[in-house]
Amino acid sequence: MEGAEIEKSDESWHDMFMKKEQSEPMNPSHIFCPNLACCARGQIGAGNIVIHDRQRQRSRCKACRKTFSANRGTMFEGLRKPTPLIVIVVTLLAYGCPVQAIVHVFGLDERTVSGQLA
């Protein structure tokens, strides 16, 4: 393939997947309180949600004063690995890749990978 250039990087593929991705800015007007007991539950853009911690992507409801993660209620809730890595792992599992192979290649704990099967 003449003229084709492969982009070189000083970063290994492992380092690229293991670093935390730059997240998009938090916008509290697009989320609602997930607390079932909250009187403001489900009210989007009502002004009851404020940013609690930008670094950890946490918000707080002014009505019930509970904090919650941006990943609350998603398959990424509670996971500490970068989102692109989890998407790749789930895709490999869906195509039948053995758990042990994924653990070996990405250096993950077997419980983390097996947890994605549940």
Protein backbone atom coordinates (compact mmCIF):
# COMPACT_ATOMS: atom_id res chain seq x y z
CA MET A 1 0.00 0.00 0.00
CA GLU A 2 1.92 2.93 -1.27
CA GLY A 3 1.27 6.27 0.32
CA ALA A 4 -0.53 4.77 3.29
CA GLU A 5 0.85 5.99 6.57
CA ILE A 6 0.34 4.38 9.91
CA GLU A 7 0.17 6.83 12.76
CA LYS A 8 2.83 6.07 15.35
CA SER A 9 2.36 6.77 19.01
CA ASP A 10 4.66 6.60 22.00
CA GLU A 11 1.73 5.21 23.94
CA SER A 12 1.01 1.47 23.95
CA TRP A 13 -2.47 0.19 23.11
CA HIS A 14 -2.81 -0.93 26.73
CA ASP A 15 -2.07 2.57 28.03
CA MET A 16 -4.51 4.10 25.56
CA PHE A 17 -7.40 1.94 26.81
CA MET A 18 -6.55 2.12 30.49
CA LYS A 19 -6.48 5.91 30.83
CA LYS A 20 -9.60 7.77 31.80
CA GLU A 21 -11.25 9.45 28.86
CA GLN A 22 -11.99 13.15 28.80
CA SER A 23 -15.63 13.35 29.69
CA GLU A 24 -18.02 15.86 28.27
CA PRO A 25 -18.99 18.80 30.48
CA MET A 26 -21.70 18.10 33.01
CA ASN A 27 -25.08 19.66 32.25
CA PRO A 28 -27.47 19.33 35.21
CA SER A 29 -30.43 20.54 33.12
CA HIS A 30 -30.44 17.21 31.23
CA ILE A 31 -30.64 14.85 34.21
CA PHE A 32 -33.20 14.10 36.92
CA CYS A 33 -33.08 12.71 40.44
CA PRO A 34 -33.12 8.88 40.43
CA ASN A 35 -34.23 8.67 44.08
CA LEU A 36 -37.58 6.84 44.19
CA ALA A 37 -38.62 8.71 47.35
CA CYS A 38 -37.80 12.18 45.98
CA CYS A 39 -40.68 14.56 45.24
CA ALA A 40 -38.69 15.96 42.29
CA ARG A 41 -37.97 12.56 40.70
CA GLY A 42 -38.25 12.63 36.92
CA GLN A 43 -38.32 16.42 36.61
CA ILE A 44 -35.81 17.32 33.91
CA GLY A 45 -34.66 20.95 33.73
CA ALA A 46 -36.53 21.95 36.90
CA GLY A 47 -33.40 23.43 38.48
CA ASN A 48 -33.31 20.91 41.32
CA ILE A 49 -30.09 19.21 40.14
CA VAL A 50 -26.69 20.79 40.84
CA ILE A 51 -23.14 19.61 40.20
CA HIS A 52 -21.70 17.97 43.31
CA ASP A 53 -18.28 16.80 42.03
CA ARG A 54 -17.06 17.38 38.47
CA GLN A 55 -14.06 15.07 38.71
CA ARG A 56 -16.13 12.08 39.82
CA GLN A 57 -19.14 13.11 37.66
CA ARG A 58 -21.56 13.34 40.61
CA SER A 59 -24.71 15.44 40.90
CA ARG A 60 -26.93 16.37 43.85
CA CYS A 61 -30.67 16.90 44.07
CA LYS A 62 -31.64 20.04 45.99
CA ALA A 63 -35.02 18.53 46.94
CA CYS A 64 -33.86 15.32 48.67
CA ARG A 65 -30.14 16.28 49.03
CA LYS A 66 -29.01 12.87 47.69
CA THR A 67 -25.96 12.60 45.44
CA PHE A 68 -25.72 10.27 42.47
CA SER A 69 -23.34 9.37 39.68
CA ALA A 70 -23.76 10.22 36.02
CA ASN A 71 -23.52 6.46 35.39
CA ARG A 72 -26.40 5.62 37.75
CA GLY A 73 -28.68 3.02 36.21
CA THR A 74 -26.30 2.15 33.35
CA MET A 75 -24.05 -0.85 32.75
CA PHE A 76 -21.11 1.40 33.70
CA GLU A 77 -22.35 2.09 37.24
CA GLY A 78 -19.69 1.30 39.83
CA LEU A 79 -17.01 0.40 37.30
CA ARG A 80 -13.63 2.09 37.61
CA LYS A 81 -12.29 1.19 34.18
CA PRO A 82 -12.59 3.56 31.21
CA THR A 83 -15.84 3.32 29.25
CA PRO A 84 -14.19 2.45 25.89
CA LEU A 85 -12.43 -0.52 27.50
CA ILE A 86 -15.69 -1.85 28.95
CA VAL A 87 -17.40 -1.50 25.56
CA ILE A 88 -14.60 -3.52 23.92
CA VAL A 89 -14.77 -6.21 26.63
CA VAL A 90 -18.56 -6.55 26.27
CA THR A 91 -18.23 -6.73 22.48
CA LEU A 92 -15.59 -9.47 22.73
CA LEU A 93 -17.78 -11.41 25.16
CA ALA A 94 -20.75 -11.06 22.79
CA TYR A 95 -18.66 -12.59 20.00
CA GLY A 96 -17.73 -15.52 22.25
CA CYS A 97 -14.18 -14.55 23.19
CA PRO A 98 -13.08 -16.57 26.25
CA VAL A 99 -12.97 -14.69 29.55
CA GLN A 100 -9.43 -15.92 30.21
CA ALA A 101 -8.21 -14.42 26.92
CA ILE A 102 -9.72 -11.02 27.73
CA VAL A 103 -8.23 -11.13 31.24
CA HIS A 104 -4.80 -11.92 29.82
CA VAL A 105 -4.81 -9.34 27.02
CA PHE A 106 -6.21 -6.39 28.98
CA GLY A 107 -4.75 -7.24 32.39
CA LEU A 108 -8.15 -7.21 34.07
CA ASP A 109 -9.41 -9.18 37.04
CA GLU A 110 -11.46 -12.21 36.02
CA ARG A 111 -14.30 -11.09 38.32
CA THR A 112 -14.53 -7.76 36.47
CA VAL A 113 -14.85 -9.50 33.10
CA SER A 114 -17.24 -12.18 34.40
CA GLY A 115 -19.39 -9.46 35.95
CA GLN A 116 -20.12 -8.13 32.48
CA LEU A 117 -21.73 -11.47 31.57
CA ALA A 118 -24.39 -11.16 34.25
